PDB file of all heavy atoms in Angstrom:
ATOM      1  N   SER A   1       0.347  -7.881   4.449  1.00  0.00           N
ATOM      2  CA  SER A   1       0.226  -6.644   3.686  1.00  0.00           C
ATOM      3  C   SER A   1       1.612  -6.131   3.337  1.00  0.00           C
ATOM      4  O   SER A   1       2.546  -6.183   4.152  1.00  0.00           O
ATOM      5  CB  SER A   1      -0.533  -5.588   4.492  1.00  0.00           C
ATOM      6  OG  SER A   1      -1.827  -6.050   4.832  1.00  0.00           O
ATOM      7  N   TYR A   2       1.720  -5.602   2.112  1.00  0.00           N
ATOM      8  CA  TYR A   2       2.988  -5.093   1.600  1.00  0.00           C
ATOM      9  C   TYR A   2       2.763  -3.680   1.067  1.00  0.00           C
ATOM     10  O   TYR A   2       1.810  -3.441   0.310  1.00  0.00           O
ATOM     11  CB  TYR A   2       3.514  -6.002   0.491  1.00  0.00           C
ATOM     12  CG  TYR A   2       3.533  -7.465   0.863  1.00  0.00           C
ATOM     13  CD1 TYR A   2       2.399  -8.265   0.658  1.00  0.00           C
ATOM     14  CD2 TYR A   2       4.660  -8.043   1.440  1.00  0.00           C
ATOM     15  CE1 TYR A   2       2.399  -9.610   1.012  1.00  0.00           C
ATOM     16  CE2 TYR A   2       4.674  -9.388   1.801  1.00  0.00           C
ATOM     17  CZ  TYR A   2       3.534 -10.168   1.585  1.00  0.00           C
ATOM     18  OH  TYR A   2       3.532 -11.494   1.946  1.00  0.00           O
ATOM     19  N   GLY A   3       3.642  -2.764   1.455  1.00  0.00           N
ATOM     20  CA  GLY A   3       3.458  -1.370   1.053  1.00  0.00           C
ATOM     21  C   GLY A   3       4.736  -0.731   0.561  1.00  0.00           C
ATOM     22  O   GLY A   3       5.835  -1.034   1.048  1.00  0.00           O
ATOM     23  N   LEU A   4       4.595   0.134  -0.414  1.00  0.00           N
ATOM     24  CA  LEU A   4       5.681   0.962  -0.922  1.00  0.00           C
ATOM     25  C   LEU A   4       5.225   2.406  -0.831  1.00  0.00           C
ATOM     26  O   LEU A   4       4.179   2.766  -1.379  1.00  0.00           O
ATOM     27  CB  LEU A   4       6.022   0.598  -2.372  1.00  0.00           C
ATOM     28  CG  LEU A   4       7.000   1.522  -3.105  1.00  0.00           C
ATOM     29  CD1 LEU A   4       8.374   1.485  -2.438  1.00  0.00           C
ATOM     30  CD2 LEU A   4       7.101   1.140  -4.576  1.00  0.00           C
ATOM     31  N   GLU A   5       5.991   3.244  -0.117  1.00  0.00           N
ATOM     32  CA  GLU A   5       5.628   4.648   0.078  1.00  0.00           C
ATOM     33  C   GLU A   5       6.810   5.530  -0.281  1.00  0.00           C
ATOM     34  O   GLU A   5       7.968   5.126  -0.121  1.00  0.00           O
ATOM     35  CB  GLU A   5       5.229   4.921   1.534  1.00  0.00           C
ATOM     36  CG  GLU A   5       4.148   3.997   2.086  1.00  0.00           C
ATOM     37  CD  GLU A   5       4.693   2.707   2.642  1.00  0.00           C
ATOM     38  OE1 GLU A   5       5.869   2.692   3.091  1.00  0.00           O
ATOM     39  OE2 GLU A   5       3.970   1.691   2.585  1.00  0.00           O
ATOM     40  N   GLY A   6       6.514   6.739  -0.736  1.00  0.00           N
ATOM     41  CA  GLY A   6       7.586   7.659  -1.049  1.00  0.00           C
ATOM     42  C   GLY A   6       7.092   9.079  -1.201  1.00  0.00           C
ATOM     43  O   GLY A   6       5.894   9.329  -1.379  1.00  0.00           O
ATOM     44  N   PHE A   7       8.033  10.029  -1.101  1.00  0.00           N
ATOM     45  CA  PHE A   7       7.699  11.437  -1.305  1.00  0.00           C
ATOM     46  C   PHE A   7       8.902  12.165  -1.864  1.00  0.00           C
ATOM     47  O   PHE A   7      10.058  11.714  -1.722  1.00  0.00           O
ATOM     48  CB  PHE A   7       7.258  12.097   0.011  1.00  0.00           C
ATOM     49  CG  PHE A   7       8.391  12.392   0.955  1.00  0.00           C
ATOM     50  CD1 PHE A   7       9.037  13.633   0.938  1.00  0.00           C
ATOM     51  CD2 PHE A   7       8.831  11.439   1.857  1.00  0.00           C
ATOM     52  CE1 PHE A   7      10.094  13.895   1.799  1.00  0.00           C
ATOM     53  CE2 PHE A   7       9.892  11.701   2.731  1.00  0.00           C
ATOM     54  CZ  PHE A   7      10.526  12.940   2.691  1.00  0.00           C
ATOM     55  N   TYR A   8       8.632  13.273  -2.523  1.00  0.00           N
ATOM     56  CA  TYR A   8       9.698  14.143  -3.016  1.00  0.00           C
ATOM     57  C   TYR A   8       9.209  15.578  -2.965  1.00  0.00           C
ATOM     58  O   TYR A   8       8.108  15.883  -3.450  1.00  0.00           O
ATOM     59  CB  TYR A   8      10.103  13.789  -4.447  1.00  0.00           C
ATOM     60  CG  TYR A   8      11.293  14.596  -4.932  1.00  0.00           C
ATOM     61  CD1 TYR A   8      12.579  14.236  -4.557  1.00  0.00           C
ATOM     62  CD2 TYR A   8      11.129  15.720  -5.721  1.00  0.00           C
ATOM     63  CE1 TYR A   8      13.686  14.959  -4.968  1.00  0.00           C
ATOM     64  CE2 TYR A   8      12.225  16.466  -6.147  1.00  0.00           C
ATOM     65  CZ  TYR A   8      13.502  16.075  -5.768  1.00  0.00           C
ATOM     66  OH  TYR A   8      14.578  16.809  -6.176  1.00  0.00           O
ATOM     67  N   GLN A   9      10.002  16.455  -2.354  1.00  0.00           N
ATOM     68  CA  GLN A   9       9.666  17.869  -2.274  1.00  0.00           C
ATOM     69  C   GLN A   9      10.449  18.609  -3.349  1.00  0.00           C
ATOM     70  O   GLN A   9      11.660  18.780  -3.266  1.00  0.00           O
ATOM     71  CB  GLN A   9       9.985  18.432  -0.889  1.00  0.00           C
ATOM     72  CG  GLN A   9       9.525  19.868  -0.707  1.00  0.00           C
ATOM     73  CD  GLN A   9       9.684  20.365   0.714  1.00  0.00           C
ATOM     74  OE1 GLN A   9      10.073  19.623   1.598  1.00  0.00           O
ATOM     75  NE2 GLN A   9       9.359  21.624   0.938  1.00  0.00           N
ATOM     76  N   PHE A  10       9.741  19.043  -4.385  1.00  0.00           N
ATOM     77  CA  PHE A  10      10.370  19.704  -5.515  1.00  0.00           C
ATOM     78  C   PHE A  10      10.851  21.107  -5.165  1.00  0.00           C
ATOM     79  O   PHE A  10      11.864  21.581  -5.683  1.00  0.00           O
ATOM     80  CB  PHE A  10       9.400  19.772  -6.697  1.00  0.00           C
ATOM     81  CG  PHE A  10       9.058  18.424  -7.266  1.00  0.00           C
ATOM     82  CD1 PHE A  10       7.989  17.683  -6.766  1.00  0.00           C
ATOM     83  CD2 PHE A  10       9.806  17.890  -8.287  1.00  0.00           C
ATOM     84  CE1 PHE A  10       7.672  16.445  -7.284  1.00  0.00           C
ATOM     85  CE2 PHE A  10       9.492  16.636  -8.821  1.00  0.00           C
ATOM     86  CZ  PHE A  10       8.428  15.919  -8.314  1.00  0.00           C
ATOM     87  N   SER A  11      10.093  21.785  -4.306  1.00  0.00           N
ATOM     88  CA  SER A  11      10.423  23.150  -3.913  1.00  0.00           C
ATOM     89  C   SER A  11       9.789  23.404  -2.557  1.00  0.00           C
ATOM     90  O   SER A  11       9.008  22.577  -2.062  1.00  0.00           O
ATOM     91  CB  SER A  11       9.905  24.154  -4.952  1.00  0.00           C
ATOM     92  OG  SER A  11       8.493  24.261  -4.875  1.00  0.00           O
ATOM     93  N   PRO A  12      10.085  24.534  -1.914  1.00  0.00           N
ATOM     94  CA  PRO A  12       9.431  24.821  -0.630  1.00  0.00           C
ATOM     95  C   PRO A  12       7.912  24.885  -0.716  1.00  0.00           C
ATOM     96  O   PRO A  12       7.242  24.771   0.312  1.00  0.00           O
ATOM     97  CB  PRO A  12      10.028  26.183  -0.239  1.00  0.00           C
ATOM     98  CG  PRO A  12      11.341  26.238  -0.932  1.00  0.00           C
ATOM     99  CD  PRO A  12      11.134  25.533  -2.235  1.00  0.00           C
ATOM    100  N   HIS A  13       7.361  25.040  -1.921  1.00  0.00           N
ATOM    101  CA  HIS A  13       5.918  25.203  -2.064  1.00  0.00           C
ATOM    102  C   HIS A  13       5.255  24.100  -2.870  1.00  0.00           C
ATOM    103  O   HIS A  13       4.090  24.226  -3.259  1.00  0.00           O
ATOM    104  CB  HIS A  13       5.614  26.556  -2.715  1.00  0.00           C
ATOM    105  CG  HIS A  13       6.169  27.727  -1.961  1.00  0.00           C
ATOM    106  ND1 HIS A  13       5.681  28.101  -0.722  1.00  0.00           N
ATOM    107  CD2 HIS A  13       7.182  28.578  -2.250  1.00  0.00           C
ATOM    108  CE1 HIS A  13       6.364  29.148  -0.291  1.00  0.00           C
ATOM    109  NE2 HIS A  13       7.283  29.453  -1.198  1.00  0.00           N
ATOM    110  N   PHE A  14       5.981  23.007  -3.139  1.00  0.00           N
ATOM    111  CA  PHE A  14       5.370  21.910  -3.892  1.00  0.00           C
ATOM    112  C   PHE A  14       6.044  20.594  -3.532  1.00  0.00           C
ATOM    113  O   PHE A  14       7.276  20.473  -3.573  1.00  0.00           O
ATOM    114  CB  PHE A  14       5.475  22.148  -5.391  1.00  0.00           C
ATOM    115  CG  PHE A  14       4.967  20.997  -6.227  1.00  0.00           C
ATOM    116  CD1 PHE A  14       3.667  20.531  -6.079  1.00  0.00           C
ATOM    117  CD2 PHE A  14       5.797  20.363  -7.140  1.00  0.00           C
ATOM    118  CE1 PHE A  14       3.207  19.469  -6.831  1.00  0.00           C
ATOM    119  CE2 PHE A  14       5.347  19.299  -7.899  1.00  0.00           C
ATOM    120  CZ  PHE A  14       4.033  18.858  -7.746  1.00  0.00           C
ATOM    121  N   ALA A  15       5.230  19.595  -3.173  1.00  0.00           N
ATOM    122  CA  ALA A  15       5.732  18.264  -2.849  1.00  0.00           C
ATOM    123  C   ALA A  15       4.747  17.224  -3.364  1.00  0.00           C
ATOM    124  O   ALA A  15       3.540  17.497  -3.523  1.00  0.00           O
ATOM    125  CB  ALA A  15       5.943  18.100  -1.349  1.00  0.00           C
ATOM    126  N   MET A  16       5.252  16.044  -3.611  1.00  0.00           N
ATOM    127  CA  MET A  16       4.411  14.941  -4.078  1.00  0.00           C
ATOM    128  C   MET A  16       4.702  13.701  -3.258  1.00  0.00           C
ATOM    129  O   MET A  16       5.861  13.430  -2.928  1.00  0.00           O
ATOM    130  CB  MET A  16       4.659  14.655  -5.562  1.00  0.00           C
ATOM    131  CG  MET A  16       3.783  13.533  -6.120  1.00  0.00           C
ATOM    132  SD  MET A  16       4.004  13.291  -7.918  1.00  0.00           S
ATOM    133  CE  MET A  16       5.657  12.587  -7.912  1.00  0.00           C
ATOM    134  N   ASN A  17       3.659  12.970  -2.896  1.00  0.00           N
ATOM    135  CA  ASN A  17       3.850  11.674  -2.255  1.00  0.00           C
ATOM    136  C   ASN A  17       2.978  10.641  -2.964  1.00  0.00           C
ATOM    137  O   ASN A  17       2.003  10.995  -3.640  1.00  0.00           O
ATOM    138  CB  ASN A  17       3.514  11.732  -0.760  1.00  0.00           C
ATOM    139  CG  ASN A  17       2.023  11.782  -0.504  1.00  0.00           C
ATOM    140  OD1 ASN A  17       1.373  12.775  -0.825  1.00  0.00           O
ATOM    141  ND2 ASN A  17       1.462  10.720   0.067  1.00  0.00           N
ATOM    142  N   ALA A  18       3.348   9.389  -2.827  1.00  0.00           N
ATOM    143  CA  ALA A  18       2.597   8.306  -3.458  1.00  0.00           C
ATOM    144  C   ALA A  18       2.768   7.040  -2.638  1.00  0.00           C
ATOM    145  O   ALA A  18       3.745   6.885  -1.903  1.00  0.00           O
ATOM    146  CB  ALA A  18       3.073   8.084  -4.894  1.00  0.00           C
ATOM    147  N   TYR A  19       1.799   6.144  -2.769  1.00  0.00           N
ATOM    148  CA  TYR A  19       1.913   4.853  -2.111  1.00  0.00           C
ATOM    149  C   TYR A  19       1.165   3.792  -2.902  1.00  0.00           C
ATOM    150  O   TYR A  19       0.241   4.074  -3.664  1.00  0.00           O
ATOM    151  CB  TYR A  19       1.398   4.908  -0.664  1.00  0.00           C
ATOM    152  CG  TYR A  19      -0.058   5.248  -0.505  1.00  0.00           C
ATOM    153  CD1 TYR A  19      -1.056   4.304  -0.738  1.00  0.00           C
ATOM    154  CD2 TYR A  19      -0.455   6.513  -0.081  1.00  0.00           C
ATOM    155  CE1 TYR A  19      -2.401   4.614  -0.572  1.00  0.00           C
ATOM    156  CE2 TYR A  19      -1.787   6.828   0.098  1.00  0.00           C
ATOM    157  CZ  TYR A  19      -2.750   5.866  -0.154  1.00  0.00           C
ATOM    158  OH  TYR A  19      -4.081   6.179   0.006  1.00  0.00           O
ATOM    159  N   LEU A  20       1.604   2.551  -2.739  1.00  0.00           N
ATOM    160  CA  LEU A  20       0.984   1.382  -3.344  1.00  0.00           C
ATOM    161  C   LEU A  20       0.953   0.293  -2.289  1.00  0.00           C
ATOM    162  O   LEU A  20       1.970   0.031  -1.630  1.00  0.00           O
ATOM    163  CB  LEU A  20       1.782   0.914  -4.562  1.00  0.00           C
ATOM    164  CG  LEU A  20       1.389  -0.444  -5.164  1.00  0.00           C
ATOM    165  CD1 LEU A  20      -0.026  -0.384  -5.748  1.00  0.00           C
ATOM    166  CD2 LEU A  20       2.404  -0.878  -6.223  1.00  0.00           C
ATOM    167  N   GLY A  21      -0.215  -0.331  -2.101  1.00  0.00           N
ATOM    168  CA  GLY A  21      -0.331  -1.362  -1.095  1.00  0.00           C
ATOM    169  C   GLY A  21      -1.134  -2.561  -1.573  1.00  0.00           C
ATOM    170  O   GLY A  21      -2.061  -2.425  -2.388  1.00  0.00           O
ATOM    171  N   TYR A  22      -0.755  -3.722  -1.055  1.00  0.00           N
ATOM    172  CA  TYR A  22      -1.469  -4.967  -1.386  1.00  0.00           C
ATOM    173  C   TYR A  22      -1.617  -5.778  -0.113  1.00  0.00           C
ATOM    174  O   TYR A  22      -0.651  -5.963   0.656  1.00  0.00           O
ATOM    175  CB  TYR A  22      -0.706  -5.771  -2.428  1.00  0.00           C
ATOM    176  CG  TYR A  22      -1.198  -7.194  -2.574  1.00  0.00           C
ATOM    177  CD1 TYR A  22      -2.427  -7.473  -3.175  1.00  0.00           C
ATOM    178  CD2 TYR A  22      -0.434  -8.266  -2.093  1.00  0.00           C
ATOM    179  CE1 TYR A  22      -2.876  -8.789  -3.306  1.00  0.00           C
ATOM    180  CE2 TYR A  22      -0.876  -9.582  -2.222  1.00  0.00           C
ATOM    181  CZ  TYR A  22      -2.096  -9.833  -2.823  1.00  0.00           C
ATOM    182  OH  TYR A  22      -2.554 -11.123  -2.939  1.00  0.00           O
ATOM    183  N   THR A  23      -2.818  -6.268   0.136  1.00  0.00           N
ATOM    184  CA  THR A  23      -3.109  -7.103   1.292  1.00  0.00           C
ATOM    185  C   THR A  23      -3.735  -8.403   0.823  1.00  0.00           C
ATOM    186  O   THR A  23      -4.715  -8.385   0.053  1.00  0.00           O
ATOM    187  CB  THR A  23      -4.062  -6.399   2.270  1.00  0.00           C
ATOM    188  OG1 THR A  23      -3.431  -5.223   2.793  1.00  0.00           O
ATOM    189  CG2 THR A  23      -4.443  -7.316   3.420  1.00  0.00           C
ATOM    190  N   GLN A  24      -3.194  -9.520   1.269  1.00  0.00           N
ATOM    191  CA  GLN A  24      -3.808 -10.823   1.021  1.00  0.00           C
ATOM    192  C   GLN A  24      -4.405 -11.338   2.323  1.00  0.00           C
ATOM    193  O   GLN A  24      -3.703 -11.482   3.322  1.00  0.00           O
ATOM    194  CB  GLN A  24      -2.793 -11.837   0.489  1.00  0.00           C
ATOM    195  CG  GLN A  24      -3.436 -13.171   0.127  1.00  0.00           C
ATOM    196  CD  GLN A  24      -2.444 -14.201  -0.333  1.00  0.00           C
ATOM    197  OE1 GLN A  24      -1.568 -14.616   0.436  1.00  0.00           O
ATOM    198  NE2 GLN A  24      -2.544 -14.622  -1.591  1.00  0.00           N
ATOM    199  N   ALA A  25      -5.712 -11.562   2.295  1.00  0.00           N
ATOM    200  CA  ALA A  25      -6.418 -12.074   3.472  1.00  0.00           C
ATOM    201  C   ALA A  25      -6.726 -13.550   3.266  1.00  0.00           C
ATOM    202  O   ALA A  25      -7.226 -13.952   2.207  1.00  0.00           O
ATOM    203  CB  ALA A  25      -7.704 -11.289   3.692  1.00  0.00           C
ATOM    204  N   LYS A  26      -6.419 -14.365   4.272  1.00  0.00           N
ATOM    205  CA  LYS A  26      -6.667 -15.801   4.210  1.00  0.00           C
ATOM    206  C   LYS A  26      -7.738 -16.171   5.226  1.00  0.00           C
ATOM    207  O   LYS A  26      -7.668 -15.786   6.395  1.00  0.00           O
ATOM    208  CB  LYS A  26      -5.382 -16.574   4.518  1.00  0.00           C
ATOM    209  CG  LYS A  26      -4.288 -16.364   3.480  1.00  0.00           C
ATOM    210  CD  LYS A  26      -3.061 -17.184   3.815  1.00  0.00           C
ATOM    211  CE  LYS A  26      -1.970 -16.991   2.763  1.00  0.00           C
ATOM    212  NZ  LYS A  26      -0.763 -17.801   3.069  1.00  0.00           N
ATOM    213  N   ASN A  27      -8.741 -16.900   4.760  1.00  0.00           N
ATOM    214  CA  ASN A  27      -9.822 -17.330   5.626  1.00  0.00           C
ATOM    215  C   ASN A  27      -9.266 -18.265   6.698  1.00  0.00           C
ATOM    216  O   ASN A  27      -8.485 -19.170   6.419  1.00  0.00           O
ATOM    217  CB  ASN A  27     -10.889 -18.046   4.804  1.00  0.00           C
ATOM    218  CG  ASN A  27     -12.141 -18.321   5.623  1.00  0.00           C
ATOM    219  OD1 ASN A  27     -12.335 -17.761   6.699  1.00  0.00           O
ATOM    220  ND2 ASN A  27     -12.996 -19.198   5.111  1.00  0.00           N
ATOM    221  N   SER A  28      -9.658 -18.022   7.933  1.00  0.00           N
ATOM    222  CA  SER A  28      -9.168 -18.840   9.034  1.00  0.00           C
ATOM    223  C   SER A  28     -10.351 -19.257   9.894  1.00  0.00           C
ATOM    224  O   SER A  28     -11.106 -18.401  10.384  1.00  0.00           O
ATOM    225  CB  SER A  28      -8.159 -18.044   9.871  1.00  0.00           C
ATOM    226  OG  SER A  28      -7.695 -18.781  10.960  1.00  0.00           O
ATOM    227  N   PRO A  29     -10.577 -20.547  10.109  1.00  0.00           N
ATOM    228  CA  PRO A  29      -9.712 -21.673   9.723  1.00  0.00           C
ATOM    229  C   PRO A  29     -10.108 -22.325   8.394  1.00  0.00           C
ATOM    230  O   PRO A  29      -9.545 -23.359   8.036  1.00  0.00           O
ATOM    231  CB  PRO A  29      -9.928 -22.656  10.875  1.00  0.00           C
ATOM    232  CG  PRO A  29     -11.372 -22.436  11.247  1.00  0.00           C
ATOM    233  CD  PRO A  29     -11.635 -20.974  11.046  1.00  0.00           C
ATOM    234  N   GLY A  30     -11.045 -21.752   7.653  1.00  0.00           N
ATOM    235  CA  GLY A  30     -11.505 -22.360   6.421  1.00  0.00           C
ATOM    236  C   GLY A  30     -10.599 -22.064   5.248  1.00  0.00           C
ATOM    237  O   GLY A  30      -9.451 -21.636   5.390  1.00  0.00           O
ATOM    238  N   ASN A  31     -11.129 -22.274   4.045  1.00  0.00           N
ATOM    239  CA  ASN A  31     -10.381 -22.055   2.817  1.00  0.00           C
ATOM    240  C   ASN A  31     -10.794 -20.739   2.171  1.00  0.00           C
ATOM    241  O   ASN A  31     -11.863 -20.209   2.427  1.00  0.00           O
ATOM    242  CB  ASN A  31     -10.614 -23.204   1.835  1.00  0.00           C
ATOM    243  CG  ASN A  31     -10.138 -24.538   2.385  1.00  0.00           C
ATOM    244  OD1 ASN A  31      -9.089 -24.597   3.037  1.00  0.00           O
ATOM    245  ND2 ASN A  31     -10.902 -25.602   2.122  1.00  0.00           N
ATOM    246  N   GLY A  32      -9.931 -20.237   1.318  1.00  0.00           N
ATOM    247  CA  GLY A  32     -10.261 -19.030   0.570  1.00  0.00           C
ATOM    248  C   GLY A  32      -9.295 -17.894   0.858  1.00  0.00           C
ATOM    249  O   GLY A  32      -8.812 -17.728   1.980  1.00  0.00           O
ATOM    250  N   ASN A  33      -9.017 -17.128  -0.202  1.00  0.00           N
ATOM    251  CA  ASN A  33      -8.168 -15.947  -0.111  1.00  0.00           C
ATOM    252  C   ASN A  33      -8.891 -14.750  -0.699  1.00  0.00           C
ATOM    253  O   ASN A  33      -9.818 -14.895  -1.513  1.00  0.00           O
ATOM    254  CB  ASN A  33      -6.842 -16.149  -0.858  1.00  0.00           C
ATOM    255  CG  ASN A  33      -6.002 -17.256  -0.267  1.00  0.00           C
ATOM    256  OD1 ASN A  33      -6.021 -17.479   0.947  1.00  0.00           O
ATOM    257  ND2 ASN A  33      -5.271 -17.975  -1.116  1.00  0.00           N
ATOM    258  N   ALA A  34      -8.460 -13.558  -0.298  1.00  0.00           N
ATOM    259  CA  ALA A  34      -8.989 -12.316  -0.853  1.00  0.00           C
ATOM    260  C   ALA A  34      -7.819 -11.400  -1.172  1.00  0.00           C
ATOM    261  O   ALA A  34      -6.909 -11.234  -0.353  1.00  0.00           O
ATOM    262  CB  ALA A  34      -9.953 -11.641   0.119  1.00  0.00           C
ATOM    263  N   ASP A  35      -7.829 -10.815  -2.367  1.00  0.00           N
ATOM    264  CA  ASP A  35      -6.788  -9.887  -2.794  1.00  0.00           C
ATOM    265  C   ASP A  35      -7.308  -8.455  -2.703  1.00  0.00           C
ATOM    266  O   ASP A  35      -8.332  -8.122  -3.313  1.00  0.00           O
ATOM    267  CB  ASP A  35      -6.361 -10.190  -4.234  1.00  0.00           C
ATOM    268  CG  ASP A  35      -5.745 -11.574  -4.368  1.00  0.00           C
ATOM    269  OD1 ASP A  35      -4.999 -11.965  -3.460  1.00  0.00           O
ATOM    270  OD2 ASP A  35      -6.025 -12.259  -5.374  1.00  0.00           O
ATOM    271  N   ILE A  36      -6.580  -7.614  -1.978  1.00  0.00           N
ATOM    272  CA  ILE A  36      -7.032  -6.251  -1.693  1.00  0.00           C
ATOM    273  C   ILE A  36      -5.928  -5.283  -2.127  1.00  0.00           C
ATOM    274  O   ILE A  36      -4.760  -5.451  -1.738  1.00  0.00           O
ATOM    275  CB  ILE A  36      -7.343  -6.083  -0.192  1.00  0.00           C
ATOM    276  CG1 ILE A  36      -8.433  -7.078   0.232  1.00  0.00           C
ATOM    277  CG2 ILE A  36      -7.754  -4.649   0.123  1.00  0.00           C
ATOM    278  CD1 ILE A  36      -8.454  -7.375   1.696  1.00  0.00           C
TER     279      ILE A  36
END
């Protein structure tokens, strides 16, 4: 899994945060992948 997170506080009364994540799951012990 890979993630990018961040935030910025514009003022004492307003802030924004955001994130983006991707997970690749691999079947074990068989074949196949899943993109999440």
